[in-house]
C-alpha atoms as a PDB file:
ATOM      1  CA  UNK A   1     -18.067 -27.648  25.248  1.00  0.00           C
ATOM      2  CA  UNK A   2     -14.557 -27.065  23.905  1.00  0.00           C
ATOM      3  CA  UNK A   3     -13.715 -26.427  20.260  1.00  0.00           C
ATOM      4  CA  UNK A   4     -11.567 -28.956  18.481  1.00  0.00           C
ATOM      5  CA  UNK A   5      -8.212 -27.612  17.346  1.00  0.00           C
ATOM      6  CA  UNK A   6      -5.697 -28.716  14.773  1.00  0.00           C
ATOM      7  CA  UNK A   7      -2.065 -27.929  15.592  1.00  0.00           C
ATOM      8  CA  UNK A   8      -3.145 -25.092  17.851  1.00  0.00           C
ATOM      9  CA  UNK A   9      -5.661 -23.611  15.386  1.00  0.00           C
ATOM     10  CA  UNK A  10      -9.448 -23.945  15.429  1.00  0.00           C
ATOM     11  CA  UNK A  11     -10.963 -26.595  13.188  1.00  0.00           C
ATOM     12  CA  UNK A  12     -11.916 -25.085   9.861  1.00  0.00           C
ATOM     13  CA  UNK A  13      -9.296 -22.350  10.211  1.00  0.00           C
ATOM     14  CA  UNK A  14      -8.988 -20.465   6.908  1.00  0.00           C
ATOM     15  CA  UNK A  15      -5.509 -18.965   6.884  1.00  0.00           C
ATOM     16  CA  UNK A  16      -6.087 -16.849   3.786  1.00  0.00           C
ATOM     17  CA  UNK A  17      -9.283 -15.336   5.186  1.00  0.00           C
ATOM     18  CA  UNK A  18      -7.543 -14.649   8.502  1.00  0.00           C
ATOM     19  CA  UNK A  19      -4.648 -13.003   6.669  1.00  0.00           C
ATOM     20  CA  UNK A  20      -7.099 -10.792   4.801  1.00  0.00           C
ATOM     21  CA  UNK A  21      -8.638  -9.729   8.114  1.00  0.00           C
ATOM     22  CA  UNK A  22      -5.163  -8.883   9.403  1.00  0.00           C
ATOM     23  CA  UNK A  23      -4.399  -6.870   6.259  1.00  0.00           C
ATOM     24  CA  UNK A  24      -7.515  -4.773   6.763  1.00  0.00           C
ATOM     25  CA  UNK A  25      -6.788  -4.247  10.449  1.00  0.00           C
ATOM     26  CA  UNK A  26      -3.200  -3.098   9.794  1.00  0.00           C
ATOM     27  CA  UNK A  27      -4.475  -0.997   6.892  1.00  0.00           C
ATOM     28  CA  UNK A  28      -7.014   0.711   9.136  1.00  0.00           C
ATOM     29  CA  UNK A  29      -4.866   1.220  12.241  1.00  0.00           C
ATOM     30  CA  UNK A  30      -1.237   0.904  11.125  1.00  0.00           C
ATOM     31  CA  UNK A  31       1.390  -1.394  12.595  1.00  0.00           C
ATOM     32  CA  UNK A  32       2.054   0.471  15.833  1.00  0.00           C
ATOM     33  CA  UNK A  33      -1.571   0.975  16.872  1.00  0.00           C
ATOM     34  CA  UNK A  34      -2.466  -2.663  16.173  1.00  0.00           C
ATOM     35  CA  UNK A  35      -1.808  -4.811  19.212  1.00  0.00           C
ATOM     36  CA  UNK A  36      -1.459  -8.584  19.360  1.00  0.00           C
ATOM     37  CA  UNK A  37      -4.696  -8.556  21.333  1.00  0.00           C
ATOM     38  CA  UNK A  38      -6.407  -6.622  18.509  1.00  0.00           C
ATOM     39  CA  UNK A  39      -5.198  -9.220  16.011  1.00  0.00           C
ATOM     40  CA  UNK A  40      -6.271 -12.086  18.242  1.00  0.00           C
ATOM     41  CA  UNK A  41      -9.776 -10.659  18.586  1.00  0.00           C
ATOM     42  CA  UNK A  42     -10.113  -9.684  14.904  1.00  0.00           C
ATOM     43  CA  UNK A  43      -8.984 -13.095  13.682  1.00  0.00           C
ATOM     44  CA  UNK A  44     -10.841 -14.989  16.442  1.00  0.00           C
ATOM     45  CA  UNK A  45      -7.611 -16.758  17.409  1.00  0.00           C
ATOM     46  CA  UNK A  46      -6.074 -17.210  20.810  1.00  0.00           C
ATOM     47  CA  UNK A  47      -2.648 -15.601  20.978  1.00  0.00           C
ATOM     48  CA  UNK A  48      -0.732 -18.927  20.963  1.00  0.00           C
ATOM     49  CA  UNK A  49      -2.705 -19.954  17.855  1.00  0.00           C
ATOM     50  CA  UNK A  50      -1.943 -16.596  16.255  1.00  0.00           C
ATOM     51  CA  UNK A  51       1.789 -17.116  16.775  1.00  0.00           C
ATOM     52  CA  UNK A  52       1.527 -20.696  15.561  1.00  0.00           C
ATOM     53  CA  UNK A  53      -0.258 -19.643  12.362  1.00  0.00           C
ATOM     54  CA  UNK A  54       1.683 -16.492  11.505  1.00  0.00           C
ATOM     55  CA  UNK A  55       4.818 -16.332  13.643  1.00  0.00           C
ATOM     56  CA  UNK A  56       3.942 -13.192  15.599  1.00  0.00           C
ATOM     57  CA  UNK A  57       3.020  -9.594  14.858  1.00  0.00           C
ATOM     58  CA  UNK A  58       6.207  -8.706  12.934  1.00  0.00           C
ATOM     59  CA  UNK A  59       5.990 -11.689  10.625  1.00  0.00           C
ATOM     60  CA  UNK A  60       2.249 -11.282  10.150  1.00  0.00           C
ATOM     61  CA  UNK A  61       2.635  -7.613   9.206  1.00  0.00           C
ATOM     62  CA  UNK A  62       5.352  -8.323   6.655  1.00  0.00           C
ATOM     63  CA  UNK A  63       3.280 -11.099   5.091  1.00  0.00           C
ATOM     64  CA  UNK A  64       0.226  -8.840   5.138  1.00  0.00           C
ATOM     65  CA  UNK A  65       2.104  -6.070   3.308  1.00  0.00           C
ATOM     66  CA  UNK A  66       3.285  -8.482   0.606  1.00  0.00           C
ATOM     67  CA  UNK A  67      -0.196  -9.849   0.012  1.00  0.00           C
ATOM     68  CA  UNK A  68      -1.749  -6.362   0.222  1.00  0.00           C
ATOM     69  CA  UNK A  69       0.412  -5.099  -2.634  1.00  0.00           C
ATOM     70  CA  UNK A  70      -0.710  -7.970  -4.863  1.00  0.00           C
ATOM     71  CA  UNK A  71      -4.353  -8.102  -3.788  1.00  0.00           C
ATOM     72  CA  UNK A  72      -5.289  -4.477  -3.169  1.00  0.00           C
ATOM     73  CA  UNK A  73      -2.421  -2.427  -4.603  1.00  0.00           C
ATOM     74  CA  UNK A  74      -0.779  -3.037  -7.936  1.00  0.00           C
ATOM     75  CA  UNK A  75      -2.254  -0.098  -9.835  1.00  0.00           C
ATOM     76  CA  UNK A  76       1.126   1.659 -10.066  1.00  0.00           C
ATOM     77  CA  UNK A  77       2.802  -1.452 -11.459  1.00  0.00           C
ATOM     78  CA  UNK A  78      -0.074  -2.035 -13.894  1.00  0.00           C
ATOM     79  CA  UNK A  79       0.095   1.509 -15.264  1.00  0.00           C
ATOM     80  CA  UNK A  80       3.863   1.359 -15.701  1.00  0.00           C
ATOM     81  CA  UNK A  81       3.628  -2.018 -17.457  1.00  0.00           C
ATOM     82  CA  UNK A  82       0.647  -1.289 -19.675  1.00  0.00           C
ATOM     83  CA  UNK A  83       1.051   2.335 -20.747  1.00  0.00           C
ATOM     84  CA  UNK A  84       3.467   3.013 -23.628  1.00  0.00           C
ATOM     85  CA  UNK A  85       4.998   6.210 -22.220  1.00  0.00           C
ATOM     86  CA  UNK A  86       5.892   7.585 -18.809  1.00  0.00           C
ATOM     87  CA  UNK A  87       3.527  10.608 -19.016  1.00  0.00           C
ATOM     88  CA  UNK A  88       0.610   8.315 -19.871  1.00  0.00           C
ATOM     89  CA  UNK A  89       1.507   5.936 -17.041  1.00  0.00           C
ATOM     90  CA  UNK A  90       1.898   8.725 -14.493  1.00  0.00           C
ATOM     91  CA  UNK A  91      -1.354  10.420 -15.478  1.00  0.00           C
ATOM     92  CA  UNK A  92      -3.123   7.071 -15.193  1.00  0.00           C
ATOM     93  CA  UNK A  93      -1.609   6.494 -11.743  1.00  0.00           C
ATOM     94  CA  UNK A  94      -2.775   9.916 -10.546  1.00  0.00           C
ATOM     95  CA  UNK A  95      -6.211   9.449 -12.136  1.00  0.00           C
ATOM     96  CA  UNK A  96      -6.759   6.034 -10.506  1.00  0.00           C
ATOM     97  CA  UNK A  97      -5.361   6.845  -7.061  1.00  0.00           C
ATOM     98  CA  UNK A  98      -8.406   8.728  -5.669  1.00  0.00           C
ATOM     99  CA  UNK A  99     -10.722   5.770  -6.326  1.00  0.00           C
ATOM    100  CA  UNK A 100      -8.130   3.311  -4.998  1.00  0.00           C
ATOM    101  CA  UNK A 101      -7.793   5.213  -1.734  1.00  0.00           C
ATOM    102  CA  UNK A 102     -11.548   5.567  -1.125  1.00  0.00           C
ATOM    103  CA  UNK A 103     -12.935   2.143  -2.060  1.00  0.00           C
ATOM    104  CA  UNK A 104     -16.280   1.180  -0.588  1.00  0.00           C
ATOM    105  CA  UNK A 105     -16.006  -1.460   2.137  1.00  0.00           C
ATOM    106  CA  UNK A 106     -12.228  -1.106   2.524  1.00  0.00           C
ATOM    107  CA  UNK A 107     -10.088   1.056   4.805  1.00  0.00           C
ATOM    108  CA  UNK A 108      -9.132   4.434   3.375  1.00  0.00           C
ATOM    109  CA  UNK A 109      -5.677   5.212   2.128  1.00  0.00           C
ATOM    110  CA  UNK A 110      -2.856   2.745   1.512  1.00  0.00           C
ATOM    111  CA  UNK A 111      -1.142   0.271   3.828  1.00  0.00           C
ATOM    112  CA  UNK A 112       2.238   0.668   2.092  1.00  0.00           C
ATOM    113  CA  UNK A 113       2.111   4.466   2.284  1.00  0.00           C
ATOM    114  CA  UNK A 114       0.851   4.808   5.853  1.00  0.00           C
ATOM    115  CA  UNK A 115       1.245   1.488   7.689  1.00  0.00           C
ATOM    116  CA  UNK A 116       4.405   2.585   9.501  1.00  0.00           C
ATOM    117  CA  UNK A 117       3.067   5.900  10.781  1.00  0.00           C
ATOM    118  CA  UNK A 118       3.855   6.403  14.446  1.00  0.00           C
ATOM    119  CA  UNK A 119       6.207   3.448  14.814  1.00  0.00           C
ATOM    120  CA  UNK A 120       9.849   3.531  15.908  1.00  0.00           C
ATOM    121  CA  UNK A 121      10.327  -0.077  14.823  1.00  0.00           C
ATOM    122  CA  UNK A 122      13.205   0.109  12.342  1.00  0.00           C
ATOM    123  CA  UNK A 123      12.391  -3.237  10.767  1.00  0.00           C
ATOM    124  CA  UNK A 124       8.851  -2.156   9.926  1.00  0.00           C
ATOM    125  CA  UNK A 125       9.934   1.274   8.714  1.00  0.00           C
ATOM    126  CA  UNK A 126      12.617  -0.301   6.531  1.00  0.00           C
ATOM    127  CA  UNK A 127      10.166  -2.809   5.042  1.00  0.00           C
ATOM    128  CA  UNK A 128       7.729  -0.120   3.920  1.00  0.00           C
ATOM    129  CA  UNK A 129      10.407   2.407   2.993  1.00  0.00           C
ATOM    130  CA  UNK A 130      11.971  -0.114   0.622  1.00  0.00           C
ATOM    131  CA  UNK A 131       8.618  -0.785  -1.028  1.00  0.00           C
ATOM    132  CA  UNK A 132       8.008   2.935  -1.512  1.00  0.00           C
ATOM    133  CA  UNK A 133      11.520   3.427  -2.888  1.00  0.00           C
ATOM    134  CA  UNK A 134      10.970   0.542  -5.290  1.00  0.00           C
ATOM    135  CA  UNK A 135       7.848   2.238  -6.677  1.00  0.00           C
ATOM    136  CA  UNK A 136       9.758   5.522  -6.994  1.00  0.00           C
ATOM    137  CA  UNK A 137      12.598   3.782  -8.835  1.00  0.00           C
ATOM    138  CA  UNK A 138      10.145   2.062 -11.190  1.00  0.00           C
ATOM    139  CA  UNK A 139       8.625   5.432 -12.143  1.00  0.00           C
ATOM    140  CA  UNK A 140      12.083   6.982 -12.572  1.00  0.00           C
ATOM    141  CA  UNK A 141      13.164   4.163 -14.880  1.00  0.00           C
ATOM    142  CA  UNK A 142      10.024   4.573 -16.996  1.00  0.00           C
ATOM    143  CA  UNK A 143      10.837   8.280 -17.407  1.00  0.00           C
ATOM    144  CA  UNK A 144      14.481   7.532 -18.235  1.00  0.00           C
ATOM    145  CA  UNK A 145      13.412   5.012 -20.870  1.00  0.00           C
ATOM    146  CA  UNK A 146      11.385   7.745 -22.581  1.00  0.00           C
ATOM    147  CA  UNK A 147      14.317  10.156 -22.345  1.00  0.00           C
ATOM    148  CA  UNK A 148      16.660   7.628 -23.939  1.00  0.00           C
ATOM    149  CA  UNK A 149      14.154   6.977 -26.726  1.00  0.00           C
ATOM    150  CA  UNK A 150      13.741  10.709 -27.376  1.00  0.00           C
ATOM    151  CA  UNK A 151      10.118  10.801 -26.276  1.00  0.00           C
ATOM    152  CA  UNK A 152      10.971  13.174 -23.424  1.00  0.00           C
ATOM    153  CA  UNK A 153      13.515  15.959 -23.236  1.00  0.00           C
ATOM    154  CA  UNK A 154      16.907  14.924 -21.920  1.00  0.00           C
ATOM    155  CA  UNK A 155      16.846  17.858 -19.488  1.00  0.00           C
ATOM    156  CA  UNK A 156      14.009  16.371 -17.383  1.00  0.00           C
ATOM    157  CA  UNK A 157      14.893  15.491 -13.804  1.00  0.00           C
ATOM    158  CA  UNK A 158      13.665  11.886 -13.769  1.00  0.00           C
ATOM    159  CA  UNK A 159      14.345  11.347 -10.064  1.00  0.00           C
ATOM    160  CA  UNK A 160      12.627  14.604  -9.174  1.00  0.00           C
ATOM    161  CA  UNK A 161       9.579  13.758 -11.286  1.00  0.00           C
ATOM    162  CA  UNK A 162       9.310  10.292  -9.742  1.00  0.00           C
ATOM    163  CA  UNK A 163       9.664  11.714  -6.248  1.00  0.00           C
ATOM    164  CA  UNK A 164       7.010  14.302  -7.050  1.00  0.00           C
ATOM    165  CA  UNK A 165       4.531  11.622  -8.116  1.00  0.00           C
ATOM    166  CA  UNK A 166       5.118   9.605  -4.953  1.00  0.00           C
ATOM    167  CA  UNK A 167       4.804  12.737  -2.804  1.00  0.00           C
ATOM    168  CA  UNK A 168       1.439  13.514  -4.410  1.00  0.00           C
ATOM    169  CA  UNK A 169       0.266   9.952  -3.808  1.00  0.00           C
ATOM    170  CA  UNK A 170       1.363  10.171  -0.179  1.00  0.00           C
ATOM    171  CA  UNK A 171      -0.626  13.390   0.199  1.00  0.00           C
ATOM    172  CA  UNK A 172      -3.682  11.790  -1.377  1.00  0.00           C
ATOM    173  CA  UNK A 173      -3.390   8.888   1.059  1.00  0.00           C
ATOM    174  CA  UNK A 174      -3.309  11.268   4.022  1.00  0.00           C
ATOM    175  CA  UNK A 175      -6.283  13.273   2.761  1.00  0.00           C
ATOM    176  CA  UNK A 176      -8.211  10.037   2.232  1.00  0.00           C
ATOM    177  CA  UNK A 177      -7.389   8.902   5.775  1.00  0.00           C
ATOM    178  CA  UNK A 178      -8.542  12.295   7.035  1.00  0.00           C
ATOM    179  CA  UNK A 179     -11.925  11.652   5.434  1.00  0.00           C
ATOM    180  CA  UNK A 180     -11.675  13.894   2.368  1.00  0.00           C
ATOM    181  CA  UNK A 181     -14.226  12.951  -0.305  1.00  0.00           C
ATOM    182  CA  UNK A 182     -13.075  11.261  -3.481  1.00  0.00           C
ATOM    183  CA  UNK A 183     -14.001  14.354  -5.501  1.00  0.00           C
ATOM    184  CA  UNK A 184     -11.446  16.417  -3.566  1.00  0.00           C
ATOM    185  CA  UNK A 185      -8.755  13.801  -4.188  1.00  0.00           C
ATOM    186  CA  UNK A 186      -9.598  13.849  -7.903  1.00  0.00           C
ATOM    187  CA  UNK A 187      -9.207  17.625  -7.957  1.00  0.00           C
ATOM    188  CA  UNK A 188      -5.805  17.400  -6.247  1.00  0.00           C
ATOM    189  CA  UNK A 189      -4.657  14.727  -8.683  1.00  0.00           C
ATOM    190  CA  UNK A 190      -5.841  16.867 -11.585  1.00  0.00           C
ATOM    191  CA  UNK A 191      -3.833  19.852 -10.392  1.00  0.00           C
ATOM    192  CA  UNK A 192      -0.772  17.622  -9.910  1.00  0.00           C
ATOM    193  CA  UNK A 193      -1.067  16.299 -13.460  1.00  0.00           C
ATOM    194  CA  UNK A 194      -0.875  19.803 -14.948  1.00  0.00           C
ATOM    195  CA  UNK A 195       2.805  20.253 -14.081  1.00  0.00           C
ATOM    196  CA  UNK A 196       3.908  16.941 -15.599  1.00  0.00           C
ATOM    197  CA  UNK A 197       5.939  16.976 -18.826  1.00  0.00           C
END
Protein backbone atom coordinates (compact mmCIF):
# COMPACT_ATOMS: atom_id res chain seq x y z
CA UNK A 1 0.00 0.00 0.00
CA UNK A 2 1.49 3.37 -0.95
CA UNK A 3 0.89 6.61 0.93
CA UNK A 4 -0.88 9.39 -0.88
CA UNK A 5 1.23 12.49 -1.39
CA UNK A 6 0.44 16.10 -2.12
CA UNK A 7 3.03 17.96 -4.19
CA UNK A 8 5.72 15.55 -3.07
CA UNK A 9 4.76 15.63 0.62
CA UNK A 10 2.81 13.03 2.59
CA UNK A 11 -0.89 13.67 3.08
CA UNK A 12 -1.48 15.45 6.36
CA UNK A 13 2.01 16.95 6.31
CA UNK A 14 2.30 19.57 9.07
CA UNK A 15 5.05 21.94 7.98
CA UNK A 16 5.20 23.80 11.28
CA UNK A 17 5.54 20.59 13.29
CA UNK A 18 8.22 19.33 10.90
CA UNK A 19 10.08 22.63 11.22
CA UNK A 20 9.98 22.32 14.99
CA UNK A 21 11.48 18.83 14.73
CA UNK A 22 14.24 20.24 12.53
CA UNK A 23 14.90 23.05 15.02
CA UNK A 24 15.37 20.55 17.82
CA UNK A 25 17.62 18.34 15.72
CA UNK A 26 19.88 21.25 14.69
CA UNK A 27 19.79 22.49 18.28
CA UNK A 28 20.92 19.11 19.57
CA UNK A 29 23.56 18.29 16.95
CA UNK A 30 24.49 21.57 15.26
CA UNK A 31 24.44 22.30 11.54
CA UNK A 32 27.54 20.36 10.53
CA UNK A 33 26.74 17.13 12.37
CA UNK A 34 23.16 17.06 11.06
CA UNK A 35 22.99 15.30 7.73
CA UNK A 36 20.21 15.46 5.15
CA UNK A 37 19.58 11.81 5.97
CA UNK A 38 19.20 12.70 9.67
CA UNK A 39 16.66 15.38 8.75
CA UNK A 40 14.81 13.03 6.42
CA UNK A 41 14.51 10.39 9.13
CA UNK A 42 13.63 12.85 11.92
CA UNK A 43 10.93 14.54 9.86
CA UNK A 44 9.71 11.27 8.29
CA UNK A 45 10.15 12.77 4.81
CA UNK A 46 11.87 11.33 1.80
CA UNK A 47 14.76 13.52 0.70
CA UNK A 48 12.97 14.86 -2.42
CA UNK A 49 10.00 15.80 -0.21
CA UNK A 50 12.36 17.47 2.26
CA UNK A 51 13.84 19.63 -0.51
CA UNK A 52 10.38 20.37 -1.87
CA UNK A 53 9.11 21.49 1.55
CA UNK A 54 12.13 23.42 2.80
CA UNK A 55 14.54 23.98 -0.08
CA UNK A 56 17.44 21.92 1.27
CA UNK A 57 19.58 21.81 4.39
CA UNK A 58 20.94 25.38 4.13
CA UNK A 59 17.53 26.95 3.70
CA UNK A 60 15.97 24.75 6.37
CA UNK A 61 18.68 25.68 8.89
CA UNK A 62 18.29 29.40 8.27
CA UNK A 63 14.52 29.16 8.64
CA UNK A 64 14.96 27.04 11.75
CA UNK A 65 17.26 29.63 13.34
CA UNK A 66 14.77 32.44 12.66
CA UNK A 67 11.87 30.52 14.17
CA UNK A 68 14.03 29.28 17.07
CA UNK A 69 14.84 32.83 18.14
CA UNK A 70 11.15 33.73 18.26
CA UNK A 71 9.84 30.46 19.71
CA UNK A 72 12.55 29.34 22.11
CA UNK A 73 14.89 32.33 22.48
CA UNK A 74 13.78 35.89 22.97
CA UNK A 75 14.68 36.26 26.64
CA UNK A 76 17.50 38.71 25.87
CA UNK A 77 15.21 40.90 23.77
CA UNK A 78 12.46 40.74 26.40
CA UNK A 79 14.79 41.83 29.20
CA UNK A 80 16.19 44.71 27.17
CA UNK A 81 12.69 45.86 26.21
CA UNK A 82 11.02 45.46 29.58
CA UNK A 83 13.64 46.49 32.13
CA UNK A 84 14.09 50.24 32.71
CA UNK A 85 17.89 50.22 33.00
CA UNK A 86 20.78 48.32 31.46
CA UNK A 87 22.03 46.84 34.78
CA UNK A 88 18.55 45.50 35.54
CA UNK A 89 18.22 44.06 32.04
CA UNK A 90 21.65 42.43 32.12
CA UNK A 91 21.14 40.93 35.57
CA UNK A 92 17.80 39.54 34.41
CA UNK A 93 19.43 38.05 31.30
CA UNK A 94 22.11 36.35 33.41
CA UNK A 95 19.54 35.18 35.98
CA UNK A 96 17.25 33.64 33.34
CA UNK A 97 19.93 32.06 31.15
CA UNK A 98 20.62 28.95 33.30
CA UNK A 99 16.97 27.89 33.20
CA UNK A 100 16.72 28.69 29.48
CA UNK A 101 19.71 26.51 28.67
CA UNK A 102 18.56 23.51 30.73
CA UNK A 103 14.83 23.28 29.96
CA UNK A 104 13.16 19.94 30.51
CA UNK A 105 12.30 18.14 27.27
CA UNK A 106 14.44 20.43 25.09
CA UNK A 107 18.05 20.19 23.92
CA UNK A 108 20.58 21.86 26.19
CA UNK A 109 22.24 25.12 25.34
CA UNK A 110 21.30 27.51 22.54
CA UNK A 111 21.05 26.99 18.79
CA UNK A 112 22.17 30.56 18.02
CA UNK A 113 25.21 30.31 20.29
CA UNK A 114 26.37 26.83 19.29
CA UNK A 115 24.66 25.78 16.05
CA UNK A 116 27.70 26.59 13.90
CA UNK A 117 30.25 24.71 15.99
CA UNK A 118 32.50 22.56 13.84
CA UNK A 119 31.36 23.91 10.49
CA UNK A 120 33.51 25.58 7.83
CA UNK A 121 30.42 26.73 5.95
CA UNK A 122 30.84 30.50 5.75
CA UNK A 123 27.18 31.13 5.04
CA UNK A 124 26.10 29.33 8.21
CA UNK A 125 28.82 30.93 10.32
CA UNK A 126 27.88 34.37 9.00
CA UNK A 127 24.18 33.82 9.71
CA UNK A 128 24.76 32.96 13.36
CA UNK A 129 27.60 35.44 13.85
CA UNK A 130 25.33 38.26 12.70
CA UNK A 131 22.61 37.20 15.13
CA UNK A 132 25.10 37.11 18.01
CA UNK A 133 26.51 40.50 17.02
CA UNK A 134 22.99 41.91 16.89
CA UNK A 135 22.36 40.79 20.49
CA UNK A 136 25.70 42.30 21.54
CA UNK A 137 24.84 45.59 19.84
CA UNK A 138 21.41 45.67 21.50
CA UNK A 139 23.02 45.31 24.95
CA UNK A 140 25.63 47.96 24.12
CA UNK A 141 22.93 50.41 23.03
CA UNK A 142 20.99 49.82 26.25
CA UNK A 143 24.13 50.65 28.25
CA UNK A 144 24.83 53.74 26.14
CA UNK A 145 21.28 54.96 26.66
CA UNK A 146 21.84 54.82 30.43
CA UNK A 147 25.17 56.62 30.06
CA UNK A 148 23.56 59.40 28.04
CA UNK A 149 20.78 59.75 30.61
CA UNK A 150 23.29 59.91 33.47
CA UNK A 151 22.19 56.64 35.02
CA UNK A 152 25.62 55.11 34.42
CA UNK A 153 29.05 56.68 34.53
CA UNK A 154 30.29 58.03 31.23
CA UNK A 155 33.59 56.18 31.72
CA UNK A 156 31.99 52.72 31.32
CA UNK A 157 33.15 50.71 28.32
CA UNK A 158 29.75 49.87 26.83
CA UNK A 159 31.14 47.62 24.09
CA UNK A 160 33.32 45.78 26.58
CA UNK A 161 30.41 45.26 28.98
CA UNK A 162 28.17 43.97 26.19
CA UNK A 163 30.88 41.64 24.95
CA UNK A 164 31.42 40.40 28.50
CA UNK A 165 27.74 39.52 28.89
CA UNK A 166 27.69 37.62 25.60
CA UNK A 167 30.92 35.80 26.52
CA UNK A 168 29.37 34.69 29.81
CA UNK A 169 26.26 33.48 28.00
CA UNK A 170 28.40 31.56 25.53
CA UNK A 171 30.22 29.90 28.43
CA UNK A 172 26.93 28.99 30.08
CA UNK A 173 25.75 27.43 26.83
CA UNK A 174 28.89 25.29 26.62
CA UNK A 175 28.63 24.18 30.24
CA UNK A 176 24.98 23.28 29.68
CA UNK A 177 25.89 21.25 26.59
CA UNK A 178 28.58 19.52 28.63
CA UNK A 179 25.90 18.40 31.08
CA UNK A 180 26.54 20.80 33.96
CA UNK A 181 23.55 21.03 36.32
CA UNK A 182 21.43 24.16 36.35
CA UNK A 183 22.65 24.98 39.86
CA UNK A 184 26.23 25.29 38.58
CA UNK A 185 25.10 27.59 35.77
CA UNK A 186 23.25 29.74 38.31
CA UNK A 187 26.40 30.02 40.41
CA UNK A 188 28.45 31.08 37.37
CA UNK A 189 25.85 33.67 36.40
CA UNK A 190 25.83 34.97 39.97
CA UNK A 191 29.59 35.44 39.97
CA UNK A 192 29.39 37.18 36.58
CA UNK A 193 26.76 39.60 37.88
CA UNK A 194 29.02 40.79 40.70
CA UNK A 195 31.39 42.65 38.37
CA UNK A 196 28.63 44.54 36.55
CA UNK A 197 28.26 48.29 37.14
